Amino acid sequence: MLSLAENMQKLGLGLIIISFLPWLAIALIVPFLPLSVAQKALLVPALLVFAEVIFWLGALLVGKEVVQRYRLYFNFRYLRILFKRWKRKNRKRL
């Protein structure tokens, strides 16, 4: 049986994942809705605020360590290092 802390972390991770859905909706769904430009102009910021609130609620639930690890994955230096390793690995295969 999972403890309360583990359940809260899972809920937090779920909220972080769900927070990306409004971004996808803005890019893929909102432009094609039969709404006026003014309605779309109101919908986009509302979805952005919703996504941010959900993300930060999830971040509060998962804790500082997980958020720091998450930030590391989106650090450009870290991504560049991973890309160089991937290139080296694929070069060796050829």
Protein backbone atom coordinates (compact mmCIF):
# COMPACT_ATOMS: atom_id res chain seq x y z
CA MET A 1 0.00 0.00 0.00
CA LEU A 2 1.33 3.43 -0.95
CA SER A 3 1.90 6.06 1.68
CA LEU A 4 0.28 9.45 1.56
CA ALA A 5 3.55 11.08 0.42
CA GLU A 6 3.89 8.65 -2.50
CA ASN A 7 0.28 9.27 -3.53
CA MET A 8 0.85 13.03 -3.39
CA GLN A 9 3.95 12.69 -5.56
CA LYS A 10 2.05 10.64 -8.13
CA LEU A 11 -0.76 13.20 -8.12
CA GLY A 12 1.81 15.97 -8.55
CA LEU A 13 3.46 14.22 -11.51
CA GLY A 14 0.03 13.70 -13.04
CA LEU A 15 -0.75 17.39 -12.67
CA ILE A 16 2.56 18.34 -14.29
CA ILE A 17 1.81 16.06 -17.24
CA ILE A 18 -1.75 17.37 -17.51
CA SER A 19 -0.42 20.95 -17.53
CA PHE A 20 0.97 20.35 -21.03
CA LEU A 21 -2.48 19.60 -22.47
CA PRO A 22 -3.62 23.25 -22.64
CA TRP A 23 -0.44 24.08 -24.60
CA LEU A 24 -1.32 21.37 -27.09
CA ALA A 25 -4.89 22.63 -27.25
CA ILE A 26 -3.66 26.15 -28.01
CA ALA A 27 -1.50 24.90 -30.86
CA LEU A 28 -3.74 22.19 -32.32
CA ILE A 29 -7.36 22.86 -31.38
CA VAL A 30 -8.02 26.54 -30.69
CA PRO A 31 -7.12 27.79 -34.20
CA PHE A 32 -9.74 25.49 -35.71
CA LEU A 33 -12.61 26.20 -33.32
CA PRO A 34 -15.62 28.04 -34.78
CA LEU A 35 -15.06 31.05 -32.51
CA SER A 36 -14.51 34.69 -33.27
CA VAL A 37 -11.03 36.14 -33.06
CA ALA A 38 -11.98 37.98 -29.88
CA GLN A 39 -13.17 34.75 -28.23
CA LYS A 40 -9.96 32.98 -29.23
CA ALA A 41 -7.98 35.92 -27.87
CA LEU A 42 -9.68 35.40 -24.50
CA LEU A 43 -9.39 31.61 -24.58
CA VAL A 44 -5.63 31.45 -25.16
CA PRO A 45 -4.56 33.43 -22.05
CA ALA A 46 -7.14 31.56 -19.96
CA LEU A 47 -5.63 28.24 -21.06
CA LEU A 48 -2.11 29.53 -20.38
CA VAL A 49 -3.02 30.61 -16.85
CA PHE A 50 -4.76 27.28 -16.25
CA ALA A 51 -1.67 25.39 -17.46
CA GLU A 52 0.65 27.40 -15.20
CA VAL A 53 -1.55 26.98 -12.13
CA ILE A 54 -1.80 23.22 -12.68
CA PHE A 55 1.96 22.95 -13.28
CA TRP A 56 2.89 24.81 -10.10
CA LEU A 57 0.37 22.87 -8.01
CA GLY A 58 2.00 19.69 -9.30
CA ALA A 59 5.45 21.10 -8.58
CA LEU A 60 4.44 21.85 -5.00
CA LEU A 61 3.19 18.30 -4.55
CA VAL A 62 6.21 16.49 -6.02
CA GLY A 63 8.76 18.49 -4.07
CA LYS A 64 11.91 20.47 -4.61
CA GLU A 65 14.15 17.59 -5.72
CA VAL A 66 11.90 16.47 -8.54
CA VAL A 67 11.45 20.02 -9.81
CA GLN A 68 15.22 20.55 -9.82
CA ARG A 69 15.70 17.33 -11.81
CA TYR A 70 12.95 18.42 -14.20
CA ARG A 71 14.66 21.77 -14.73
CA LEU A 72 17.92 19.98 -15.48
CA TYR A 73 16.30 18.08 -18.35
CA PHE A 74 15.31 21.35 -19.99
CA ASN A 75 18.67 23.06 -19.48
CA PHE A 76 20.22 23.72 -22.91
CA ARG A 77 23.72 22.78 -21.73
CA TYR A 78 22.47 19.42 -20.50
CA LEU A 79 20.55 18.83 -23.73
CA ARG A 80 23.67 19.70 -25.76
CA ILE A 81 25.73 17.18 -23.76
CA LEU A 82 23.10 14.50 -24.34
CA PHE A 83 23.04 15.30 -28.06
CA LYS A 84 26.84 15.03 -28.31
CA ARG A 85 26.79 11.66 -26.52
CA TRP A 86 24.05 10.46 -28.86
CA LYS A 87 26.04 11.58 -31.92
CA ARG A 88 29.20 9.85 -30.64
CA LYS A 89 27.26 6.67 -29.94
CA ASN A 90 25.71 6.64 -33.42
CA ARG A 91 29.06 7.41 -35.08
CA LYS A 92 30.58 4.32 -33.46
CA ARG A 93 27.84 2.14 -34.90
CA LEU A 94 28.73 3.15 -38.47
